[in-house]
């Protein structure tokens, strides 16, 4: 959606159904720098403003070679806050494993995927979900070969206090009403926003006390 205005939640008619959905359900768009030419095409949407504290745009993924070239979209990096689940091995003091893409053999992975006969691999199926599953099976198999796995251990700093879901939903609703009020400027929407703002402040005060 190259012409979507995520500050005011407006845009051409072709974008309007999605923009309206994002506005009504309290989604915030966190990418604030163009990701392709002068447009923000790679959006990070979240309906909980507490979960995405950082979002930045960096250089495209990929490299120039005889058989490949970098992506024409910039990379988007963002952090998601969340406590470790009770059943997670990190919670139990055990190591968890993650793929270290920074030290991946990108040339090897690229060559591996170039050898795949994609027409044969994705033939005889009319279900888009089945195509996607097959595609991801091949990609994940290559990742396991060419991307090293590393151990991770939990640190005390991983744990943090998070507002309960009902409070976060209230903040998301307040944001949604504010955006609607900014667009239509009615007294009814203004009063609705002020009422929600007061309620959010009270919730925060109660949790802090």
N, C-alpha and C. Protein backbone atom coordinates (compact mmCIF):
# COMPACT_ATOMS: atom_id res chain seq x y z
N UNK A 1 0.83 -1.19 0.00
CA UNK A 1 0.00 0.00 0.00
C UNK A 1 0.87 1.25 0.00
N UNK A 2 1.42 1.59 -1.15
CA UNK A 2 2.40 2.69 -1.21
C UNK A 2 1.84 4.06 -0.86
N UNK A 3 0.53 4.25 -1.02
CA UNK A 3 -0.03 5.59 -0.80
C UNK A 3 -0.85 5.69 0.49
N UNK A 4 -0.72 4.70 1.36
CA UNK A 4 -1.43 4.76 2.63
C UNK A 4 -0.76 5.77 3.56
N UNK A 5 -1.56 6.60 4.18
CA UNK A 5 -1.07 7.57 5.16
C UNK A 5 -1.35 7.00 6.54
N UNK A 6 -0.32 6.43 7.18
CA UNK A 6 -0.51 5.73 8.45
C UNK A 6 -0.58 6.69 9.63
N UNK A 7 -0.28 7.98 9.41
CA UNK A 7 -0.41 8.96 10.49
C UNK A 7 -1.89 9.32 10.69
N UNK A 8 -2.58 9.54 9.57
CA UNK A 8 -3.99 9.94 9.64
C UNK A 8 -4.94 8.81 9.29
N UNK A 9 -4.37 7.65 8.90
CA UNK A 9 -5.18 6.48 8.51
C UNK A 9 -6.14 6.83 7.37
N UNK A 10 -5.57 7.39 6.31
CA UNK A 10 -6.32 7.68 5.09
C UNK A 10 -5.50 7.20 3.90
N UNK A 11 -6.16 7.11 2.76
CA UNK A 11 -5.46 6.66 1.56
C UNK A 11 -6.44 6.48 0.42
N UNK A 12 -5.94 6.07 -0.75
CA UNK A 12 -6.81 5.86 -1.90
C UNK A 12 -7.88 4.80 -1.62
N UNK A 13 -8.92 4.81 -2.42
CA UNK A 13 -10.03 3.88 -2.22
C UNK A 13 -9.59 2.42 -2.21
N UNK A 14 -8.58 2.10 -3.02
CA UNK A 14 -8.13 0.71 -3.10
C UNK A 14 -7.53 0.23 -1.78
N UNK A 15 -6.98 1.17 -0.99
CA UNK A 15 -6.39 0.83 0.31
C UNK A 15 -7.37 0.95 1.46
N UNK A 16 -8.49 1.62 1.22
CA UNK A 16 -9.36 2.02 2.33
C UNK A 16 -9.88 0.87 3.17
N UNK A 17 -10.32 -0.27 2.58
CA UNK A 17 -10.84 -1.36 3.44
C UNK A 17 -9.83 -1.84 4.47
N UNK A 18 -8.56 -1.96 4.07
CA UNK A 18 -7.56 -2.43 5.02
C UNK A 18 -7.23 -1.35 6.05
N UNK A 19 -7.13 -0.10 5.60
CA UNK A 19 -6.84 1.00 6.53
C UNK A 19 -7.97 1.13 7.55
N UNK A 20 -9.20 1.00 7.08
CA UNK A 20 -10.36 1.09 7.98
C UNK A 20 -10.32 -0.04 9.01
N UNK A 21 -9.96 -1.25 8.54
CA UNK A 21 -9.84 -2.39 9.46
C UNK A 21 -8.80 -2.11 10.54
N UNK A 22 -7.62 -1.60 10.12
CA UNK A 22 -6.55 -1.30 11.08
C UNK A 22 -6.99 -0.24 12.08
N UNK A 23 -7.71 0.75 11.60
CA UNK A 23 -8.17 1.83 12.47
C UNK A 23 -9.20 1.34 13.47
N UNK A 24 -10.19 0.59 13.01
CA UNK A 24 -11.28 0.15 13.87
C UNK A 24 -10.84 -0.84 14.93
N UNK A 25 -9.81 -1.64 14.62
CA UNK A 25 -9.37 -2.66 15.57
C UNK A 25 -8.11 -2.25 16.33
N UNK A 26 -7.77 -0.97 16.28
CA UNK A 26 -6.72 -0.44 17.14
C UNK A 26 -5.29 -0.79 16.74
N UNK A 27 -5.04 -1.08 15.45
CA UNK A 27 -3.68 -1.41 15.02
C UNK A 27 -2.86 -0.15 14.84
N UNK A 28 -1.61 -0.21 15.29
CA UNK A 28 -0.66 0.88 15.11
C UNK A 28 0.40 0.42 14.13
N UNK A 29 0.75 1.27 13.16
CA UNK A 29 1.77 0.95 12.17
C UNK A 29 3.09 1.54 12.64
N UNK A 30 4.11 0.69 12.85
CA UNK A 30 5.35 1.12 13.49
C UNK A 30 6.48 1.50 12.52
N UNK A 31 6.40 1.10 11.26
CA UNK A 31 7.46 1.46 10.31
C UNK A 31 7.28 2.91 9.89
N UNK A 32 8.28 3.75 10.19
CA UNK A 32 8.13 5.18 9.91
C UNK A 32 9.12 5.70 8.87
N UNK A 33 9.83 4.79 8.18
CA UNK A 33 10.79 5.15 7.15
C UNK A 33 10.48 4.36 5.88
N UNK A 34 10.58 4.95 4.70
CA UNK A 34 10.30 4.22 3.46
C UNK A 34 11.14 2.94 3.34
N UNK A 35 10.53 1.90 2.84
CA UNK A 35 11.24 0.62 2.68
C UNK A 35 11.48 0.26 1.21
N UNK A 36 10.86 0.98 0.31
CA UNK A 36 11.14 0.82 -1.12
C UNK A 36 10.89 2.15 -1.81
N UNK A 37 11.98 2.72 -2.36
CA UNK A 37 11.96 4.05 -2.96
C UNK A 37 11.43 5.03 -1.91
N UNK A 38 10.31 5.71 -2.16
CA UNK A 38 9.79 6.70 -1.20
C UNK A 38 8.54 6.21 -0.48
N UNK A 39 8.30 4.90 -0.50
CA UNK A 39 7.05 4.37 0.06
C UNK A 39 7.32 3.38 1.19
N UNK A 40 6.39 3.35 2.14
CA UNK A 40 6.43 2.34 3.20
C UNK A 40 5.58 1.16 2.74
N UNK A 41 6.26 0.14 2.22
CA UNK A 41 5.57 -1.05 1.73
C UNK A 41 5.63 -2.21 2.71
N UNK A 42 6.56 -2.14 3.67
CA UNK A 42 6.75 -3.22 4.63
C UNK A 42 6.29 -2.71 6.00
N UNK A 43 5.03 -2.96 6.30
CA UNK A 43 4.42 -2.40 7.51
C UNK A 43 4.51 -3.39 8.67
N UNK A 44 4.70 -2.85 9.86
CA UNK A 44 4.65 -3.63 11.10
C UNK A 44 3.44 -3.14 11.88
N UNK A 45 2.41 -3.96 11.91
CA UNK A 45 1.14 -3.58 12.55
C UNK A 45 0.95 -4.38 13.83
N UNK A 46 0.54 -3.70 14.89
CA UNK A 46 0.29 -4.37 16.17
C UNK A 46 -0.84 -3.64 16.88
N UNK A 47 -1.78 -4.39 17.45
CA UNK A 47 -2.89 -3.75 18.17
C UNK A 47 -2.63 -3.67 19.66
N UNK A 48 -1.37 -3.84 20.05
CA UNK A 48 -0.96 -3.68 21.44
C UNK A 48 0.30 -2.82 21.45
N UNK A 49 0.16 -1.53 21.77
CA UNK A 49 1.28 -0.60 21.65
C UNK A 49 2.41 -0.89 22.62
N UNK A 50 2.17 -1.74 23.63
CA UNK A 50 3.22 -2.08 24.59
C UNK A 50 4.17 -3.15 24.06
N UNK A 51 3.78 -3.85 23.02
CA UNK A 51 4.55 -5.02 22.59
C UNK A 51 5.69 -4.70 21.63
N UNK A 52 5.64 -3.55 20.94
CA UNK A 52 6.69 -3.23 19.96
C UNK A 52 7.37 -1.93 20.39
N UNK A 53 8.45 -2.03 21.20
CA UNK A 53 9.11 -0.82 21.69
C UNK A 53 10.07 -0.20 20.69
N UNK A 54 10.56 -0.99 19.72
CA UNK A 54 11.54 -0.48 18.76
C UNK A 54 11.23 -1.01 17.37
N UNK A 55 11.42 -0.16 16.37
CA UNK A 55 11.26 -0.56 14.98
C UNK A 55 12.16 0.32 14.12
N UNK A 56 12.99 -0.29 13.28
CA UNK A 56 13.91 0.49 12.46
C UNK A 56 14.06 -0.16 11.08
N UNK A 57 14.49 0.65 10.12
CA UNK A 57 14.68 0.19 8.75
C UNK A 57 16.16 0.17 8.44
N UNK A 58 16.62 -0.92 7.79
CA UNK A 58 18.04 -1.09 7.50
C UNK A 58 18.21 -1.52 6.04
N UNK A 59 19.44 -1.84 5.67
CA UNK A 59 19.76 -2.18 4.28
C UNK A 59 19.03 -3.44 3.82
N UNK A 60 18.84 -3.61 2.52
CA UNK A 60 18.16 -4.79 1.99
C UNK A 60 18.93 -6.08 2.27
N UNK A 61 18.20 -7.19 2.32
CA UNK A 61 18.81 -8.51 2.46
C UNK A 61 19.27 -8.98 1.09
N UNK A 62 20.41 -9.67 1.05
CA UNK A 62 20.87 -10.26 -0.21
C UNK A 62 22.19 -9.67 -0.65
N UNK A 63 22.68 -10.12 -1.78
CA UNK A 63 23.98 -9.71 -2.29
C UNK A 63 23.99 -9.88 -3.81
N UNK A 64 24.92 -9.17 -4.44
CA UNK A 64 25.07 -9.27 -5.89
C UNK A 64 25.93 -10.48 -6.23
N UNK A 65 25.49 -11.27 -7.16
CA UNK A 65 26.29 -12.36 -7.70
C UNK A 65 25.79 -12.64 -9.11
N UNK A 66 26.36 -13.62 -9.75
CA UNK A 66 25.97 -13.95 -11.11
C UNK A 66 24.51 -14.36 -11.17
N UNK A 67 24.05 -15.05 -10.11
CA UNK A 67 22.72 -15.63 -10.14
C UNK A 67 21.74 -15.00 -9.15
N UNK A 68 22.15 -13.94 -8.49
CA UNK A 68 21.24 -13.32 -7.53
C UNK A 68 21.54 -11.84 -7.39
N UNK A 69 20.64 -11.14 -6.73
CA UNK A 69 20.83 -9.72 -6.45
C UNK A 69 20.09 -9.38 -5.16
N UNK A 70 20.43 -8.26 -4.53
CA UNK A 70 19.75 -7.91 -3.28
C UNK A 70 18.27 -7.65 -3.48
N UNK A 71 17.52 -7.75 -2.39
CA UNK A 71 16.10 -7.43 -2.43
C UNK A 71 15.92 -5.95 -2.76
N UNK A 72 14.81 -5.62 -3.41
CA UNK A 72 14.53 -4.21 -3.69
C UNK A 72 13.74 -3.57 -2.55
N UNK A 73 13.57 -4.30 -1.45
CA UNK A 73 12.94 -3.77 -0.24
C UNK A 73 13.98 -3.72 0.88
N UNK A 74 13.93 -2.69 1.69
CA UNK A 74 14.80 -2.61 2.86
C UNK A 74 14.34 -3.61 3.92
N UNK A 75 15.27 -3.96 4.81
CA UNK A 75 14.93 -4.82 5.93
C UNK A 75 14.25 -3.99 7.03
N UNK A 76 13.35 -4.62 7.75
CA UNK A 76 12.69 -3.96 8.88
C UNK A 76 12.96 -4.79 10.13
N UNK A 77 13.59 -4.16 11.12
CA UNK A 77 13.91 -4.83 12.37
C UNK A 77 13.01 -4.26 13.47
N UNK A 78 12.44 -5.16 14.27
CA UNK A 78 11.63 -4.69 15.38
C UNK A 78 11.72 -5.67 16.54
N UNK A 79 11.53 -5.14 17.75
CA UNK A 79 11.57 -5.96 18.96
C UNK A 79 10.15 -6.18 19.47
N UNK A 80 9.92 -7.37 19.99
CA UNK A 80 8.64 -7.69 20.61
C UNK A 80 8.88 -8.04 22.07
N UNK A 81 8.20 -7.36 22.97
CA UNK A 81 8.34 -7.64 24.39
C UNK A 81 7.39 -8.76 24.79
N UNK A 82 7.90 -9.64 25.62
CA UNK A 82 7.05 -10.73 26.11
C UNK A 82 7.78 -11.55 27.14
N UNK A 83 7.08 -11.94 28.18
CA UNK A 83 7.69 -12.78 29.20
C UNK A 83 7.84 -14.21 28.71
N UNK A 84 8.82 -14.94 29.25
CA UNK A 84 9.02 -16.33 28.90
C UNK A 84 7.86 -17.15 29.45
N UNK A 85 7.28 -18.02 28.62
CA UNK A 85 6.17 -18.85 29.05
C UNK A 85 6.62 -19.89 30.06
N UNK A 86 5.71 -20.33 30.91
CA UNK A 86 6.05 -21.26 31.99
C UNK A 86 6.63 -22.57 31.47
N UNK A 87 6.18 -23.02 30.29
CA UNK A 87 6.66 -24.29 29.75
C UNK A 87 7.92 -24.16 28.92
N UNK A 88 8.41 -22.94 28.74
CA UNK A 88 9.59 -22.71 27.93
C UNK A 88 10.84 -23.24 28.65
N UNK A 89 11.75 -23.91 27.93
CA UNK A 89 12.97 -24.40 28.58
C UNK A 89 13.79 -23.29 29.23
N UNK A 90 13.71 -22.07 28.67
CA UNK A 90 14.43 -20.95 29.28
C UNK A 90 13.93 -20.67 30.70
N UNK A 91 12.64 -20.87 30.91
CA UNK A 91 12.05 -20.64 32.22
C UNK A 91 12.57 -21.64 33.24
N UNK A 92 12.93 -22.83 32.75
CA UNK A 92 13.41 -23.89 33.62
C UNK A 92 14.93 -23.88 33.76
N UNK A 93 15.58 -22.86 33.20
CA UNK A 93 17.03 -22.77 33.29
C UNK A 93 17.75 -23.61 32.26
N UNK A 94 17.01 -24.19 31.32
CA UNK A 94 17.61 -25.02 30.28
C UNK A 94 17.92 -24.17 29.05
N UNK A 95 18.88 -24.59 28.23
CA UNK A 95 19.19 -23.81 27.02
C UNK A 95 18.12 -23.99 25.96
N UNK A 96 17.89 -22.97 25.20
CA UNK A 96 17.03 -23.05 24.02
C UNK A 96 17.91 -22.75 22.82
N UNK A 97 17.50 -23.18 21.66
CA UNK A 97 18.32 -23.01 20.46
C UNK A 97 17.63 -22.05 19.49
N UNK A 98 18.45 -21.26 18.82
CA UNK A 98 17.93 -20.36 17.79
C UNK A 98 18.91 -20.34 16.62
N UNK A 99 18.42 -19.98 15.45
CA UNK A 99 19.27 -19.92 14.25
C UNK A 99 20.03 -18.61 14.22
N UNK A 100 21.34 -18.71 14.04
CA UNK A 100 22.23 -17.55 14.01
C UNK A 100 22.39 -17.09 12.56
N UNK A 101 21.42 -16.33 12.07
CA UNK A 101 21.44 -15.91 10.67
C UNK A 101 22.59 -14.95 10.36
N UNK A 102 23.11 -14.29 11.39
CA UNK A 102 24.23 -13.38 11.16
C UNK A 102 25.44 -14.12 10.62
N UNK A 103 25.61 -15.37 11.03
CA UNK A 103 26.76 -16.17 10.58
C UNK A 103 26.34 -17.29 9.62
N UNK A 104 25.23 -17.09 8.93
CA UNK A 104 24.75 -18.11 8.00
C UNK A 104 25.62 -18.16 6.75
N UNK A 105 25.65 -19.32 6.12
CA UNK A 105 26.32 -19.49 4.83
C UNK A 105 25.31 -19.12 3.75
N UNK A 106 25.18 -17.82 3.49
CA UNK A 106 24.16 -17.34 2.56
C UNK A 106 24.40 -17.82 1.14
N UNK A 107 25.67 -17.87 0.74
CA UNK A 107 25.99 -18.36 -0.60
C UNK A 107 25.58 -19.82 -0.74
N UNK A 108 25.89 -20.63 0.28
CA UNK A 108 25.52 -22.04 0.25
C UNK A 108 24.02 -22.23 0.21
N UNK A 109 23.29 -21.45 1.03
CA UNK A 109 21.84 -21.55 1.05
C UNK A 109 21.25 -21.11 -0.28
N UNK A 110 21.80 -20.03 -0.84
CA UNK A 110 21.32 -19.55 -2.14
C UNK A 110 21.52 -20.61 -3.22
N UNK A 111 22.69 -21.21 -3.26
CA UNK A 111 22.97 -22.24 -4.27
C UNK A 111 22.09 -23.46 -4.06
N UNK A 112 21.86 -23.81 -2.80
CA UNK A 112 21.00 -24.96 -2.48
C UNK A 112 19.59 -24.73 -3.03
N UNK A 113 19.04 -23.53 -2.79
CA UNK A 113 17.69 -23.24 -3.25
C UNK A 113 17.62 -23.10 -4.77
N UNK A 114 18.73 -22.68 -5.39
CA UNK A 114 18.75 -22.56 -6.84
C UNK A 114 18.72 -23.93 -7.53
N UNK A 115 19.14 -24.97 -6.80
CA UNK A 115 19.14 -26.32 -7.37
C UNK A 115 17.78 -27.00 -7.28
N UNK A 116 16.86 -26.41 -6.53
CA UNK A 116 15.54 -27.01 -6.37
C UNK A 116 14.73 -26.86 -7.66
N UNK A 117 14.12 -27.94 -8.10
CA UNK A 117 13.20 -27.89 -9.24
C UNK A 117 11.84 -27.47 -8.69
N UNK A 118 11.60 -26.15 -8.64
CA UNK A 118 10.41 -25.64 -8.00
C UNK A 118 9.13 -26.02 -8.74
N UNK A 119 9.23 -26.17 -10.04
CA UNK A 119 8.03 -26.57 -10.81
C UNK A 119 7.60 -27.98 -10.39
N UNK A 120 8.57 -28.87 -10.23
CA UNK A 120 8.26 -30.24 -9.82
C UNK A 120 7.81 -30.28 -8.36
N UNK A 121 8.44 -29.43 -7.54
CA UNK A 121 8.14 -29.45 -6.11
C UNK A 121 6.74 -28.92 -5.81
N UNK A 122 6.27 -28.00 -6.62
CA UNK A 122 5.00 -27.34 -6.34
C UNK A 122 3.91 -27.69 -7.37
N UNK A 123 4.04 -28.87 -7.97
CA UNK A 123 3.09 -29.27 -8.99
C UNK A 123 1.97 -30.12 -8.39
N UNK A 124 0.89 -30.25 -9.13
CA UNK A 124 -0.22 -31.14 -8.78
C UNK A 124 -0.92 -30.76 -7.47
N UNK A 125 -1.12 -29.49 -7.29
CA UNK A 125 -1.86 -29.08 -6.10
C UNK A 125 -2.51 -27.73 -6.36
N UNK A 126 -3.79 -27.62 -6.03
CA UNK A 126 -4.51 -26.37 -6.25
C UNK A 126 -4.79 -25.62 -4.95
N UNK A 127 -4.23 -26.11 -3.85
CA UNK A 127 -4.46 -25.49 -2.54
C UNK A 127 -3.28 -24.59 -2.20
N UNK A 128 -3.53 -23.30 -2.05
CA UNK A 128 -2.46 -22.34 -1.77
C UNK A 128 -1.76 -22.64 -0.45
N UNK A 129 -2.51 -23.14 0.54
CA UNK A 129 -1.90 -23.48 1.83
C UNK A 129 -0.93 -24.65 1.70
N UNK A 130 -1.28 -25.61 0.85
CA UNK A 130 -0.38 -26.74 0.61
C UNK A 130 0.88 -26.29 -0.11
N UNK A 131 0.73 -25.36 -1.06
CA UNK A 131 1.91 -24.78 -1.73
C UNK A 131 2.84 -24.12 -0.71
N UNK A 132 2.24 -23.34 0.17
CA UNK A 132 3.03 -22.61 1.18
C UNK A 132 3.75 -23.58 2.11
N UNK A 133 3.06 -24.60 2.56
CA UNK A 133 3.67 -25.59 3.46
C UNK A 133 4.84 -26.29 2.78
N UNK A 134 4.65 -26.67 1.52
CA UNK A 134 5.74 -27.34 0.77
C UNK A 134 6.92 -26.40 0.59
N UNK A 135 6.63 -25.16 0.24
CA UNK A 135 7.69 -24.17 0.06
C UNK A 135 8.49 -24.00 1.34
N UNK A 136 7.80 -23.86 2.50
CA UNK A 136 8.47 -23.65 3.77
C UNK A 136 9.24 -24.89 4.21
N UNK A 137 8.76 -26.07 3.87
CA UNK A 137 9.50 -27.30 4.18
C UNK A 137 10.86 -27.28 3.51
N UNK A 138 10.89 -26.88 2.25
CA UNK A 138 12.15 -26.83 1.49
C UNK A 138 13.08 -25.76 2.06
N UNK A 139 12.51 -24.58 2.32
CA UNK A 139 13.33 -23.47 2.85
C UNK A 139 13.88 -23.83 4.23
N UNK A 140 13.05 -24.37 5.10
CA UNK A 140 13.50 -24.72 6.46
C UNK A 140 14.55 -25.82 6.44
N UNK A 141 14.43 -26.76 5.50
CA UNK A 141 15.44 -27.80 5.37
C UNK A 141 16.79 -27.19 5.00
N UNK A 142 16.77 -26.19 4.11
CA UNK A 142 18.01 -25.50 3.74
C UNK A 142 18.57 -24.69 4.90
N UNK A 143 17.70 -24.07 5.67
CA UNK A 143 18.15 -23.29 6.83
C UNK A 143 18.87 -24.18 7.83
N UNK A 144 18.36 -25.37 8.07
CA UNK A 144 18.98 -26.29 9.02
C UNK A 144 20.38 -26.71 8.58
N UNK A 145 20.61 -26.70 7.26
CA UNK A 145 21.92 -27.10 6.73
C UNK A 145 22.92 -25.96 6.77
N UNK A 146 22.47 -24.76 6.41
CA UNK A 146 23.41 -23.66 6.16
C UNK A 146 23.40 -22.55 7.22
N UNK A 147 22.50 -22.65 8.21
CA UNK A 147 22.47 -21.63 9.27
C UNK A 147 22.79 -22.31 10.60
N UNK A 148 23.88 -21.90 11.26
CA UNK A 148 24.25 -22.54 12.53
C UNK A 148 23.24 -22.27 13.63
N UNK A 149 23.10 -23.23 14.52
CA UNK A 149 22.21 -23.07 15.67
C UNK A 149 23.03 -22.67 16.89
N UNK A 150 22.50 -21.80 17.71
CA UNK A 150 23.18 -21.35 18.92
C UNK A 150 22.30 -21.57 20.14
N UNK A 151 22.97 -21.70 21.28
CA UNK A 151 22.24 -21.85 22.53
C UNK A 151 21.93 -20.47 23.13
N UNK A 152 20.81 -20.39 23.78
CA UNK A 152 20.45 -19.17 24.49
C UNK A 152 20.00 -19.54 25.89
N UNK A 153 20.40 -18.72 26.85
CA UNK A 153 20.00 -18.91 28.24
C UNK A 153 19.23 -17.70 28.72
N UNK A 154 18.27 -17.93 29.56
CA UNK A 154 17.47 -16.82 30.08
C UNK A 154 18.28 -15.96 31.03
N UNK A 155 18.03 -14.69 31.00
CA UNK A 155 18.63 -13.75 31.95
C UNK A 155 17.51 -13.13 32.78
N UNK A 156 17.84 -12.70 33.94
CA UNK A 156 16.83 -12.09 34.81
C UNK A 156 16.20 -10.87 34.15
N UNK A 157 16.97 -10.20 33.31
CA UNK A 157 16.45 -8.99 32.67
C UNK A 157 15.37 -9.30 31.64
N UNK A 158 15.22 -10.58 31.26
CA UNK A 158 14.17 -10.94 30.31
C UNK A 158 12.79 -10.77 30.93
N UNK A 159 12.72 -10.93 32.25
CA UNK A 159 11.42 -10.82 32.91
C UNK A 159 11.08 -9.35 33.15
N UNK A 160 9.90 -8.96 32.85
CA UNK A 160 9.48 -7.59 33.09
C UNK A 160 7.99 -7.58 33.37
N UNK A 161 7.57 -6.52 33.98
CA UNK A 161 6.17 -6.40 34.35
C UNK A 161 5.36 -5.92 33.14
N UNK A 162 4.30 -6.64 32.82
CA UNK A 162 3.45 -6.27 31.71
C UNK A 162 2.03 -6.06 32.21
N UNK A 163 1.36 -5.07 31.63
CA UNK A 163 -0.04 -4.85 31.97
C UNK A 163 -0.87 -6.05 31.53
N UNK A 164 -1.91 -6.40 32.27
CA UNK A 164 -2.80 -7.50 31.86
C UNK A 164 -3.47 -7.18 30.53
N UNK A 165 -3.96 -8.22 29.88
CA UNK A 165 -4.55 -8.07 28.55
C UNK A 165 -5.72 -7.07 28.54
N UNK A 166 -6.56 -7.06 29.58
CA UNK A 166 -7.72 -6.18 29.54
C UNK A 166 -7.29 -4.70 29.58
N UNK A 167 -6.16 -4.41 30.25
CA UNK A 167 -5.67 -3.03 30.27
C UNK A 167 -5.06 -2.66 28.92
N UNK A 168 -4.31 -3.58 28.34
CA UNK A 168 -3.71 -3.31 27.03
C UNK A 168 -4.79 -3.14 25.96
N UNK A 169 -5.86 -3.92 26.08
CA UNK A 169 -6.98 -3.76 25.14
C UNK A 169 -7.64 -2.39 25.29
N UNK A 170 -7.69 -1.91 26.53
CA UNK A 170 -8.29 -0.60 26.78
C UNK A 170 -7.45 0.51 26.13
N UNK A 171 -6.12 0.41 26.23
CA UNK A 171 -5.24 1.38 25.59
C UNK A 171 -5.39 1.33 24.07
N UNK A 172 -5.50 0.13 23.52
CA UNK A 172 -5.68 -0.01 22.08
C UNK A 172 -7.00 0.62 21.63
N UNK A 173 -8.03 0.45 22.43
CA UNK A 173 -9.33 1.05 22.11
C UNK A 173 -9.25 2.57 22.16
N UNK A 174 -8.52 3.08 23.15
CA UNK A 174 -8.34 4.54 23.27
C UNK A 174 -7.64 5.10 22.02
N UNK A 175 -6.60 4.40 21.56
CA UNK A 175 -5.89 4.83 20.36
C UNK A 175 -6.81 4.81 19.13
N UNK A 176 -7.62 3.76 19.04
CA UNK A 176 -8.53 3.63 17.90
C UNK A 176 -9.54 4.78 17.88
N UNK A 177 -10.10 5.10 19.05
CA UNK A 177 -11.08 6.18 19.13
C UNK A 177 -10.42 7.53 18.81
N UNK A 178 -9.17 7.70 19.26
CA UNK A 178 -8.46 8.95 18.97
C UNK A 178 -8.27 9.15 17.47
N UNK A 179 -7.90 8.08 16.77
CA UNK A 179 -7.69 8.20 15.33
C UNK A 179 -9.02 8.51 14.62
N UNK A 180 -10.10 7.89 15.08
CA UNK A 180 -11.40 8.15 14.48
C UNK A 180 -11.83 9.60 14.74
N UNK A 181 -11.59 10.08 15.97
CA UNK A 181 -11.91 11.47 16.32
C UNK A 181 -11.08 12.44 15.48
N UNK A 182 -9.79 12.12 15.28
CA UNK A 182 -8.92 13.00 14.48
C UNK A 182 -9.42 13.14 13.06
N UNK A 183 -10.12 12.12 12.58
CA UNK A 183 -10.61 12.15 11.21
C UNK A 183 -11.96 12.87 11.09
N UNK A 184 -12.88 12.64 12.05
CA UNK A 184 -14.25 13.16 11.91
C UNK A 184 -14.55 14.36 12.81
N UNK A 185 -13.78 14.54 13.90
CA UNK A 185 -13.88 15.73 14.76
C UNK A 185 -15.29 15.96 15.33
N UNK A 186 -15.98 14.92 15.73
CA UNK A 186 -17.31 15.11 16.32
C UNK A 186 -17.20 15.20 17.84
N UNK A 187 -18.14 15.90 18.45
CA UNK A 187 -18.15 16.06 19.90
C UNK A 187 -18.36 14.72 20.60
N UNK A 188 -19.18 13.87 20.00
CA UNK A 188 -19.44 12.55 20.57
C UNK A 188 -18.17 11.71 20.66
N UNK A 189 -17.38 11.72 19.59
CA UNK A 189 -16.12 10.97 19.59
C UNK A 189 -15.11 11.58 20.57
N UNK A 190 -15.13 12.91 20.67
CA UNK A 190 -14.23 13.59 21.60
C UNK A 190 -14.53 13.16 23.04
N UNK A 191 -15.80 13.14 23.40
CA UNK A 191 -16.18 12.75 24.76
C UNK A 191 -15.86 11.27 25.01
N UNK A 192 -16.04 10.47 24.00
CA UNK A 192 -15.73 9.04 24.13
C UNK A 192 -14.24 8.84 24.37
N UNK A 193 -13.42 9.62 23.64
CA UNK A 193 -11.97 9.53 23.81
C UNK A 193 -11.56 10.00 25.21
N UNK A 194 -12.10 11.14 25.65
CA UNK A 194 -11.75 11.68 26.97
C UNK A 194 -12.13 10.71 28.09
N UNK A 195 -13.26 10.06 27.92
CA UNK A 195 -13.70 9.07 28.91
C UNK A 195 -12.74 7.88 28.97
N UNK A 196 -12.30 7.42 27.80
CA UNK A 196 -11.35 6.29 27.75
C UNK A 196 -9.99 6.71 28.29
N UNK A 197 -9.57 7.94 27.99
CA UNK A 197 -8.28 8.42 28.49
C UNK A 197 -8.27 8.47 30.00
N UNK A 198 -9.37 8.94 30.59
CA UNK A 198 -9.49 9.01 32.04
C UNK A 198 -9.46 7.60 32.65
N UNK A 199 -10.14 6.68 31.98
CA UNK A 199 -10.19 5.31 32.45
C UNK A 199 -8.81 4.65 32.39
N UNK A 200 -8.06 4.93 31.32
CA UNK A 200 -6.70 4.38 31.19
C UNK A 200 -5.78 4.92 32.28
N UNK A 201 -5.90 6.23 32.55
CA UNK A 201 -5.07 6.85 33.58
C UNK A 201 -5.37 6.23 34.95
N UNK A 202 -6.63 5.97 35.20
CA UNK A 202 -7.04 5.37 36.47
C UNK A 202 -6.48 3.95 36.60
N UNK A 203 -6.52 3.21 35.49
CA UNK A 203 -5.98 1.85 35.48
C UNK A 203 -4.49 1.86 35.77
N UNK A 204 -3.77 2.78 35.14
CA UNK A 204 -2.32 2.88 35.36
C UNK A 204 -2.01 3.22 36.80
N UNK A 205 -2.77 4.16 37.36
CA UNK A 205 -2.56 4.58 38.74
C UNK A 205 -2.81 3.42 39.70
N UNK A 206 -3.86 2.65 39.41
CA UNK A 206 -4.19 1.50 40.27
C UNK A 206 -3.10 0.44 40.21
N UNK A 207 -2.55 0.19 39.02
CA UNK A 207 -1.51 -0.82 38.87
C UNK A 207 -0.20 -0.36 39.53
N UNK A 208 0.07 0.96 39.47
CA UNK A 208 1.31 1.47 40.07
C UNK A 208 1.23 1.45 41.60
N UNK A 209 0.04 1.67 42.10
CA UNK A 209 -0.12 1.67 43.55
C UNK A 209 -0.17 0.30 44.08
